[in-house]
Amino acid sequence: MTLFFQKLFRQNLKIIFFGFKVFLEAKLFINSRKN
């Protein structure tokens, strides 16, 4: 794996992780609103 691909992979991982975190928080927020 070249350095460029490692950099790209890390950036994508950060974006995916951030998106997942936002998704989980939104899910929790919606669930708390329902009750």
PDB file of N, CA and C in Angstrom:
ATOM      1  N   MET A   1       0.842  -1.197   0.000  1.00  0.00           N
ATOM      2  CA  MET A   1       0.000   0.000   0.000  1.00  0.00           C
ATOM      3  C   MET A   1       0.885   1.258   0.000  1.00  0.00           C
ATOM      4  N   THR A   2       0.616   2.142  -0.906  1.00  0.00           N
ATOM      5  CA  THR A   2       1.415   3.371  -0.952  1.00  0.00           C
ATOM      6  C   THR A   2       0.951   4.346   0.121  1.00  0.00           C
ATOM      7  N   LEU A   3       1.777   5.342   0.378  1.00  0.00           N
ATOM      8  CA  LEU A   3       1.465   6.334   1.408  1.00  0.00           C
ATOM      9  C   LEU A   3       0.191   7.090   1.066  1.00  0.00           C
ATOM     10  N   PHE A   4      -0.005   7.354  -0.240  1.00  0.00           N
ATOM     11  CA  PHE A   4      -1.202   8.085  -0.670  1.00  0.00           C
ATOM     12  C   PHE A   4      -2.471   7.327  -0.302  1.00  0.00           C
ATOM     13  N   PHE A   5      -2.454   6.018  -0.545  1.00  0.00           N
ATOM     14  CA  PHE A   5      -3.642   5.220  -0.248  1.00  0.00           C
ATOM     15  C   PHE A   5      -3.868   5.093   1.260  1.00  0.00           C
ATOM     16  N   GLN A   6      -2.764   5.035   2.003  1.00  0.00           N
ATOM     17  CA  GLN A   6      -2.899   4.992   3.464  1.00  0.00           C
ATOM     18  C   GLN A   6      -3.556   6.264   3.978  1.00  0.00           C
ATOM     19  N   LYS A   7      -3.139   7.402   3.414  1.00  0.00           N
ATOM     20  CA  LYS A   7      -3.708   8.695   3.801  1.00  0.00           C
ATOM     21  C   LYS A   7      -5.193   8.739   3.472  1.00  0.00           C
ATOM     22  N   LEU A   8      -5.522   8.322   2.262  1.00  0.00           N
ATOM     23  CA  LEU A   8      -6.914   8.320   1.793  1.00  0.00           C
ATOM     24  C   LEU A   8      -7.757   7.398   2.677  1.00  0.00           C
ATOM     25  N   PHE A   9      -7.198   6.232   2.997  1.00  0.00           N
ATOM     26  CA  PHE A   9      -7.914   5.253   3.808  1.00  0.00           C
ATOM     27  C   PHE A   9      -8.208   5.814   5.195  1.00  0.00           C
ATOM     28  N   ARG A  10      -7.214   6.495   5.784  1.00  0.00           N
ATOM     29  CA  ARG A  10      -7.403   7.075   7.115  1.00  0.00           C
ATOM     30  C   ARG A  10      -8.459   8.162   7.093  1.00  0.00           C
ATOM     31  N   GLN A  11      -8.438   8.983   6.048  1.00  0.00           N
ATOM     32  CA  GLN A  11      -9.432  10.058   5.949  1.00  0.00           C
ATOM     33  C   GLN A  11     -10.834   9.466   5.822  1.00  0.00           C
ATOM     34  N   ASN A  12     -10.973   8.435   5.000  1.00  0.00           N
ATOM     35  CA  ASN A  12     -12.276   7.795   4.824  1.00  0.00           C
ATOM     36  C   ASN A  12     -12.746   7.172   6.128  1.00  0.00           C
ATOM     37  N   LEU A  13     -11.818   6.570   6.871  1.00  0.00           N
ATOM     38  CA  LEU A  13     -12.156   5.954   8.144  1.00  0.00           C
ATOM     39  C   LEU A  13     -12.679   7.007   9.112  1.00  0.00           C
ATOM     40  N   LYS A  14     -12.030   8.174   9.121  1.00  0.00           N
ATOM     41  CA  LYS A  14     -12.461   9.276   9.995  1.00  0.00           C
ATOM     42  C   LYS A  14     -13.862   9.727   9.627  1.00  0.00           C
ATOM     43  N   ILE A  15     -14.114   9.872   8.322  1.00  0.00           N
ATOM     44  CA  ILE A  15     -15.420  10.331   7.848  1.00  0.00           C
ATOM     45  C   ILE A  15     -16.503   9.316   8.186  1.00  0.00           C
ATOM     46  N   ILE A  16     -16.196   8.031   7.967  1.00  0.00           N
ATOM     47  CA  ILE A  16     -17.165   6.967   8.269  1.00  0.00           C
ATOM     48  C   ILE A  16     -17.466   6.939   9.764  1.00  0.00           C
ATOM     49  N   PHE A  17     -16.405   7.050  10.581  1.00  0.00           N
ATOM     50  CA  PHE A  17     -16.577   7.020  12.032  1.00  0.00           C
ATOM     51  C   PHE A  17     -17.408   8.206  12.507  1.00  0.00           C
ATOM     52  N   PHE A  18     -17.121   9.383  11.942  1.00  0.00           N
ATOM     53  CA  PHE A  18     -17.870  10.584  12.308  1.00  0.00           C
ATOM     54  C   PHE A  18     -19.348  10.442  11.927  1.00  0.00           C
ATOM     55  N   GLY A  19     -19.593   9.943  10.733  1.00  0.00           N
ATOM     56  CA  GLY A  19     -20.961   9.748  10.266  1.00  0.00           C
ATOM     57  C   GLY A  19     -21.710   8.756  11.151  1.00  0.00           C
ATOM     58  N   PHE A  20     -21.002   7.696  11.556  1.00  0.00           N
ATOM     59  CA  PHE A  20     -21.614   6.678  12.413  1.00  0.00           C
ATOM     60  C   PHE A  20     -21.975   7.256  13.773  1.00  0.00           C
ATOM     61  N   LYS A  21     -21.073   8.100  14.300  1.00  0.00           N
ATOM     62  CA  LYS A  21     -21.303   8.740  15.602  1.00  0.00           C
ATOM     63  C   LYS A  21     -22.533   9.642  15.538  1.00  0.00           C
ATOM     64  N   VAL A  22     -22.617  10.437  14.468  1.00  0.00           N
ATOM     65  CA  VAL A  22     -23.757  11.343  14.292  1.00  0.00           C
ATOM     66  C   VAL A  22     -25.050  10.540  14.167  1.00  0.00           C
ATOM     67  N   PHE A  23     -24.972   9.429  13.423  1.00  0.00           N
ATOM     68  CA  PHE A  23     -26.140   8.570  13.237  1.00  0.00           C
ATOM     69  C   PHE A  23     -26.624   8.002  14.569  1.00  0.00           C
ATOM     70  N   LEU A  24     -25.698   7.524  15.382  1.00  0.00           N
ATOM     71  CA  LEU A  24     -26.073   6.956  16.683  1.00  0.00           C
ATOM     72  C   LEU A  24     -26.685   8.015  17.593  1.00  0.00           C
ATOM     73  N   GLU A  25     -26.086   9.208  17.594  1.00  0.00           N
ATOM     74  CA  GLU A  25     -26.612  10.283  18.446  1.00  0.00           C
ATOM     75  C   GLU A  25     -28.005  10.696  17.996  1.00  0.00           C
ATOM     76  N   ALA A  26     -28.213  10.742  16.694  1.00  0.00           N
ATOM     77  CA  ALA A  26     -29.537  11.107  16.170  1.00  0.00           C
ATOM     78  C   ALA A  26     -30.564  10.042  16.546  1.00  0.00           C
ATOM     79  N   LYS A  27     -30.152   8.778  16.491  1.00  0.00           N
ATOM     80  CA  LYS A  27     -31.049   7.684  16.845  1.00  0.00           C
ATOM     81  C   LYS A  27     -31.452   7.782  18.311  1.00  0.00           C
ATOM     82  N   LEU A  28     -30.472   8.029  19.172  1.00  0.00           N
ATOM     83  CA  LEU A  28     -30.756   8.181  20.595  1.00  0.00           C
ATOM     84  C   LEU A  28     -31.679   9.368  20.847  1.00  0.00           C
ATOM     85  N   PHE A  29     -31.430  10.458  20.120  1.00  0.00           N
ATOM     86  CA  PHE A  29     -32.242  11.666  20.278  1.00  0.00           C
ATOM     87  C   PHE A  29     -33.690  11.402  19.884  1.00  0.00           C
ATOM     88  N   ILE A  30     -33.890  10.702  18.770  1.00  0.00           N
ATOM     89  CA  ILE A  30     -35.244  10.397  18.296  1.00  0.00           C
ATOM     90  C   ILE A  30     -35.944   9.467  19.293  1.00  0.00           C
ATOM     91  N   ASN A  31     -35.207   8.487  19.808  1.00  0.00           N
ATOM     92  CA  ASN A  31     -35.797   7.558  20.778  1.00  0.00           C
ATOM     93  C   ASN A  31     -36.208   8.276  22.057  1.00  0.00           C
ATOM     94  N   SER A  32     -35.417   9.239  22.489  1.00  0.00           N
ATOM     95  CA  SER A  32     -35.747   9.969  23.714  1.00  0.00           C
ATOM     96  C   SER A  32     -36.936  10.904  23.485  1.00  0.00           C
ATOM     97  N   ARG A  33     -37.083  11.375  22.257  1.00  0.00           N
ATOM     98  CA  ARG A  33     -38.216  12.250  21.930  1.00  0.00           C
ATOM     99  C   ARG A  33     -39.533  11.471  21.921  1.00  0.00           C
ATOM    100  N   LYS A  34     -39.468  10.208  21.503  1.00  0.00           N
ATOM    101  CA  LYS A  34     -40.671   9.372  21.408  1.00  0.00           C
ATOM    102  C   LYS A  34     -41.298   9.109  22.773  1.00  0.00           C
ATOM    103  N   ASN A  35     -40.445   8.822  23.763  1.00  0.00           N
ATOM    104  CA  ASN A  35     -40.949   8.436  25.087  1.00  0.00           C
ATOM    105  C   ASN A  35     -41.574   9.597  25.857  1.00  0.00           C
TER     106      ASN A  35
END
